[in-house]
């Protein structure tokens, strides 16, 4: 049975927590923060979501939806586009840099690269 849709009341602030897979960090490299902020800016404008404050420690945002589904829509689009970005830039590029014998290890974006040692 699918979970019931969350109901948001327009005009009230909501504390949004976005977590990484298995509660891993959402941001690995400094460029990840910038890309995520650019996504939030673009998508929140599109869906009418006012972001009053944010703290990109790894997983927190405070937002106020101006329309009933704006927060859900923003989270869905930003989450899927950021996940695609992480997969393309961090995981796949990490595999290409590894020797063939090590490229089948767990694709954990938090793992250290060989050149970080």
Protein backbone atom coordinates (compact mmCIF):
# COMPACT_ATOMS: atom_id res chain seq x y z
CA UNK A 1 0.00 0.00 0.00
CA UNK A 2 1.51 3.35 -1.00
CA UNK A 3 1.89 6.01 1.64
CA UNK A 4 -0.67 8.77 1.75
CA UNK A 5 0.29 12.02 0.08
CA UNK A 6 1.52 14.69 2.45
CA UNK A 7 -0.69 17.72 2.82
CA UNK A 8 0.92 21.14 2.94
CA UNK A 9 -0.92 24.33 3.84
CA UNK A 10 0.13 27.26 1.63
CA UNK A 11 1.74 30.13 3.53
CA UNK A 12 3.08 28.03 6.44
CA UNK A 13 6.82 27.30 6.74
CA UNK A 14 8.03 23.69 6.62
CA UNK A 15 11.31 22.26 7.76
CA UNK A 16 12.43 19.92 5.00
CA UNK A 17 15.06 17.27 5.51
CA UNK A 18 16.53 15.60 2.47
CA UNK A 19 18.69 12.63 3.19
CA UNK A 20 21.19 10.80 1.07
CA UNK A 21 20.87 7.12 0.31
CA UNK A 22 21.34 5.12 3.53
CA UNK A 23 21.61 8.49 5.32
CA UNK A 24 24.87 9.25 3.53
CA UNK A 25 25.88 12.85 2.94
CA UNK A 26 24.14 14.55 0.03
CA UNK A 27 27.14 16.72 -0.83
CA UNK A 28 30.57 15.24 -1.44
CA UNK A 29 32.49 17.98 -3.24
CA UNK A 30 32.14 21.79 -3.03
CA UNK A 31 30.62 21.97 -6.52
CA UNK A 32 27.74 19.77 -5.31
CA UNK A 33 26.50 22.51 -2.99
CA UNK A 34 26.46 25.07 -5.80
CA UNK A 35 24.66 22.77 -8.22
CA UNK A 36 22.03 21.92 -5.60
CA UNK A 37 21.41 25.60 -4.82
CA UNK A 38 21.04 26.39 -8.52
CA UNK A 39 18.49 23.58 -8.84
CA UNK A 40 16.51 24.85 -5.85
CA UNK A 41 16.49 28.37 -7.24
CA UNK A 42 15.26 27.30 -10.67
CA UNK A 43 12.70 24.73 -9.54
CA UNK A 44 11.30 26.67 -6.57
CA UNK A 45 10.53 29.62 -8.85
CA UNK A 46 8.81 27.30 -11.31
CA UNK A 47 6.49 25.85 -8.64
CA UNK A 48 5.99 28.95 -6.47
CA UNK A 49 7.97 27.88 -3.42
CA UNK A 50 9.56 30.56 -1.24
CA UNK A 51 12.78 29.46 0.43
CA UNK A 52 13.34 31.63 3.51
CA UNK A 53 16.41 29.96 4.85
CA UNK A 54 18.65 27.05 4.10
CA UNK A 55 21.52 25.28 5.74
CA UNK A 56 23.40 22.98 3.45
CA UNK A 57 25.28 21.17 6.17
CA UNK A 58 24.21 17.99 4.42
CA UNK A 59 20.43 17.76 4.57
CA UNK A 60 18.27 20.72 5.77
CA UNK A 61 16.08 23.35 4.09
CA UNK A 62 13.33 25.65 5.41
CA UNK A 63 10.68 26.49 2.79
CA UNK A 64 7.20 28.03 2.58
CA UNK A 65 4.92 26.73 -0.17
CA UNK A 66 2.65 29.28 -1.84
CA UNK A 67 0.56 26.61 -3.54
CA UNK A 68 -0.72 23.31 -2.19
CA UNK A 69 1.58 20.97 -4.13
CA UNK A 70 4.56 23.26 -4.65
CA UNK A 71 6.77 21.73 -1.93
CA UNK A 72 6.11 18.17 -3.12
CA UNK A 73 6.76 19.11 -6.73
CA UNK A 74 10.00 20.92 -5.90
CA UNK A 75 11.31 18.07 -3.77
CA UNK A 76 10.46 15.52 -6.46
CA UNK A 77 12.14 17.42 -9.30
CA UNK A 78 15.17 18.64 -7.33
CA UNK A 79 15.68 15.20 -5.78
CA UNK A 80 15.57 13.33 -9.07
CA UNK A 81 17.74 15.84 -10.95
CA UNK A 82 20.31 15.99 -8.15
CA UNK A 83 20.43 12.18 -7.93
CA UNK A 84 21.06 12.03 -11.68
CA UNK A 85 23.81 14.64 -11.30
CA UNK A 86 25.47 12.66 -8.48
CA UNK A 87 25.28 9.45 -10.45
CA UNK A 88 26.79 11.02 -13.56
CA UNK A 89 29.47 13.19 -11.97
CA UNK A 90 30.54 11.38 -8.82
CA UNK A 91 29.81 7.68 -9.15
CA UNK A 92 30.48 7.07 -12.84
CA UNK A 93 33.53 9.32 -12.96
CA UNK A 94 34.86 7.52 -9.88
CA UNK A 95 34.49 4.15 -11.64
CA UNK A 96 36.30 5.38 -14.74
CA UNK A 97 39.32 6.43 -12.64
CA UNK A 98 39.64 3.09 -10.87
CA UNK A 99 41.58 0.07 -12.14
CA UNK A 100 39.28 -2.57 -13.67
CA UNK A 101 39.77 -4.95 -10.72
CA UNK A 102 38.37 -2.34 -8.29
CA UNK A 103 35.61 -0.79 -10.41
CA UNK A 104 32.99 -3.34 -9.29
CA UNK A 105 33.25 -2.34 -5.63
CA UNK A 106 30.26 -0.73 -3.96
CA UNK A 107 29.37 2.51 -5.71
CA UNK A 108 29.26 4.59 -2.57
CA UNK A 109 29.62 8.31 -3.39
CA UNK A 110 31.23 8.85 0.01
CA UNK A 111 34.12 6.49 -0.65
CA UNK A 112 37.58 7.91 -1.01
CA UNK A 113 39.12 8.04 -4.45
CA UNK A 114 42.53 6.51 -5.02
CA UNK A 115 44.03 9.98 -5.56
CA UNK A 116 42.72 11.20 -2.15
CA UNK A 117 45.00 8.90 -0.17
